[in-house]
């Protein structure tokens, strides 16, 4: 039977994150530890799943404040069930879809600029869409 608790070192090894990052997450309220009889920090096994969600969400560009808000809705004393995780994913779905659309558009415009060669910030649709910002001078106004 696996242990119910993980030391900070075990959590670090299992999650692939440095101990300092785990302490940072704890200070920000993203995860919580308890103290064992030797006054060492220990984490319930469910925290490993929270850490994984944090890592994935951060890699998708979700700010830590939004991650903390979503995780605050999960139960603290029991393992979250599928319904809890589905609700978090549902809340992030529209935001992630919008980010994907914006990044796709940026990627496509960058590809166009690489082949264009015009080097004109006054006419470039990436930095001055439809030349509406020309009155404000040259340079990136939208980025």
Protein backbone atom coordinates (compact mmCIF):
# COMPACT_ATOMS: atom_id res chain seq x y z
CA UNK A 1 0.00 0.00 0.00
CA UNK A 2 1.51 3.35 -1.02
CA UNK A 3 2.24 6.00 1.57
CA UNK A 4 -0.50 8.57 2.05
CA UNK A 5 1.99 11.43 2.26
CA UNK A 6 4.96 12.61 0.23
CA UNK A 7 7.93 14.51 1.54
CA UNK A 8 8.84 17.71 -0.27
CA UNK A 9 11.78 15.86 -1.84
CA UNK A 10 9.52 13.05 -3.05
CA UNK A 11 7.03 15.52 -4.45
CA UNK A 12 9.88 17.31 -6.18
CA UNK A 13 11.17 14.10 -7.76
CA UNK A 14 7.70 12.91 -8.80
CA UNK A 15 6.64 16.27 -10.25
CA UNK A 16 9.97 17.22 -11.82
CA UNK A 17 9.87 20.60 -10.08
CA UNK A 18 12.50 22.02 -7.76
CA UNK A 19 11.70 22.19 -4.06
CA UNK A 20 11.87 25.99 -4.27
CA UNK A 21 9.04 25.99 -6.83
CA UNK A 22 6.90 23.81 -4.58
CA UNK A 23 7.53 26.19 -1.68
CA UNK A 24 6.61 29.10 -3.97
CA UNK A 25 3.35 27.37 -4.94
CA UNK A 26 2.61 26.85 -1.28
CA UNK A 27 3.24 30.51 -0.43
CA UNK A 28 0.86 31.47 -3.24
CA UNK A 29 -1.83 29.14 -1.87
CA UNK A 30 -1.76 26.77 -4.84
CA UNK A 31 -0.84 23.74 -2.74
CA UNK A 32 -0.78 23.00 0.98
CA UNK A 33 1.43 20.91 3.21
CA UNK A 34 1.07 19.55 6.67
CA UNK A 35 3.69 18.86 9.30
CA UNK A 36 4.54 15.36 10.46
CA UNK A 37 5.62 14.39 13.98
CA UNK A 38 9.20 15.40 13.15
CA UNK A 39 7.93 18.84 12.04
CA UNK A 40 8.84 18.08 8.40
CA UNK A 41 6.68 19.29 5.56
CA UNK A 42 4.56 16.50 4.01
CA UNK A 43 2.03 16.59 1.20
CA UNK A 44 -1.02 14.42 0.62
CA UNK A 45 -0.66 12.30 -2.53
CA UNK A 46 -3.45 14.31 -4.19
CA UNK A 47 -1.14 17.34 -4.26
CA UNK A 48 0.87 15.65 -7.03
CA UNK A 49 -2.17 15.92 -9.30
CA UNK A 50 -2.62 19.60 -8.38
CA UNK A 51 1.03 20.25 -9.22
CA UNK A 52 0.56 18.54 -12.58
CA UNK A 53 -2.48 20.72 -13.33
CA UNK A 54 -0.49 23.83 -12.34
CA UNK A 55 2.36 22.87 -14.67
CA UNK A 56 0.06 22.16 -17.61
CA UNK A 57 -1.97 25.33 -17.05
CA UNK A 58 1.17 27.46 -16.82
CA UNK A 59 2.53 25.94 -20.02
CA UNK A 60 -0.74 26.97 -21.70
CA UNK A 61 -0.23 30.55 -20.52
CA UNK A 62 -2.82 30.62 -17.76
CA UNK A 63 -1.71 33.11 -15.09
CA UNK A 64 -1.02 31.76 -11.59
CA UNK A 65 -3.81 33.92 -10.14
CA UNK A 66 -6.35 32.19 -12.39
CA UNK A 67 -4.90 28.78 -11.55
CA UNK A 68 -5.12 29.57 -7.83
CA UNK A 69 -8.73 30.69 -8.24
CA UNK A 70 -9.67 27.48 -10.02
CA UNK A 71 -7.86 25.28 -7.51
CA UNK A 72 -9.51 27.09 -4.60
CA UNK A 73 -12.80 25.49 -5.66
CA UNK A 74 -11.40 21.98 -5.16
CA UNK A 75 -11.93 20.18 -1.85
CA UNK A 76 -8.98 20.43 0.53
CA UNK A 77 -9.62 17.34 2.63
CA UNK A 78 -10.42 14.79 -0.08
CA UNK A 79 -9.18 13.89 -3.50
CA UNK A 80 -10.95 15.87 -6.25
CA UNK A 81 -13.14 13.72 -8.48
CA UNK A 82 -13.60 13.80 -12.25
CA UNK A 83 -16.43 16.32 -11.94
CA UNK A 84 -14.13 18.82 -10.18
CA UNK A 85 -11.46 18.54 -12.89
CA UNK A 86 -14.05 18.78 -15.67
CA UNK A 87 -15.38 22.02 -14.17
CA UNK A 88 -11.87 23.54 -14.17
CA UNK A 89 -11.30 22.46 -17.78
CA UNK A 90 -14.67 23.89 -18.78
CA UNK A 91 -13.84 27.24 -17.18
CA UNK A 92 -10.55 27.44 -19.08
CA UNK A 93 -11.88 26.16 -22.41
CA UNK A 94 -13.05 29.47 -23.91
CA UNK A 95 -9.97 31.35 -22.75
CA UNK A 96 -7.65 28.72 -24.21
CA UNK A 97 -9.60 28.67 -27.48
CA UNK A 98 -9.22 32.45 -27.75
CA UNK A 99 -5.49 32.22 -27.01
CA UNK A 100 -5.08 29.56 -29.69
CA UNK A 101 -6.86 31.75 -32.24
CA UNK A 102 -4.71 34.78 -31.37
CA UNK A 103 -1.48 32.78 -31.49
CA UNK A 104 -2.46 31.19 -34.80
CA UNK A 105 -3.16 34.61 -36.31
CA UNK A 106 0.15 35.93 -34.99
CA UNK A 107 2.02 32.93 -36.39
CA UNK A 108 0.43 33.39 -39.80
CA UNK A 109 1.19 37.12 -39.87
CA UNK A 110 4.79 36.49 -38.83
CA UNK A 111 5.20 33.94 -41.62
CA UNK A 112 3.85 36.52 -44.07
CA UNK A 113 6.31 39.15 -42.79
CA UNK A 114 9.31 36.86 -43.02
CA UNK A 115 8.64 36.38 -46.74
CA UNK A 116 7.51 39.95 -47.37
CA UNK A 117 10.76 41.83 -46.90
CA UNK A 118 9.06 45.25 -46.96
CA UNK A 119 10.32 46.28 -43.52
CA UNK A 120 7.70 49.02 -43.52
CA UNK A 121 6.20 49.67 -40.11
CA UNK A 122 3.85 52.21 -41.69
CA UNK A 123 2.18 49.55 -43.90
CA UNK A 124 2.70 46.31 -41.96
CA UNK A 125 -0.61 44.66 -41.02
CA UNK A 126 1.04 43.08 -38.00
CA UNK A 127 2.04 46.28 -36.23
CA UNK A 128 -0.32 48.77 -37.84
CA UNK A 129 -3.48 47.00 -38.96
CA UNK A 130 -5.20 48.83 -41.84
CA UNK A 131 -2.85 51.76 -41.24
CA UNK A 132 -5.24 53.15 -38.62
CA UNK A 133 -2.44 54.00 -36.21
CA UNK A 134 -0.23 55.83 -38.70
CA UNK A 135 -1.17 59.18 -37.15
CA UNK A 136 0.52 58.00 -33.91
CA UNK A 137 3.86 57.49 -35.65
CA UNK A 138 5.91 54.46 -36.67
CA UNK A 139 6.55 51.39 -34.56
CA UNK A 140 4.63 48.60 -32.94
CA UNK A 141 1.41 50.03 -31.52
CA UNK A 142 -0.63 46.85 -31.18
CA UNK A 143 1.85 44.44 -29.64
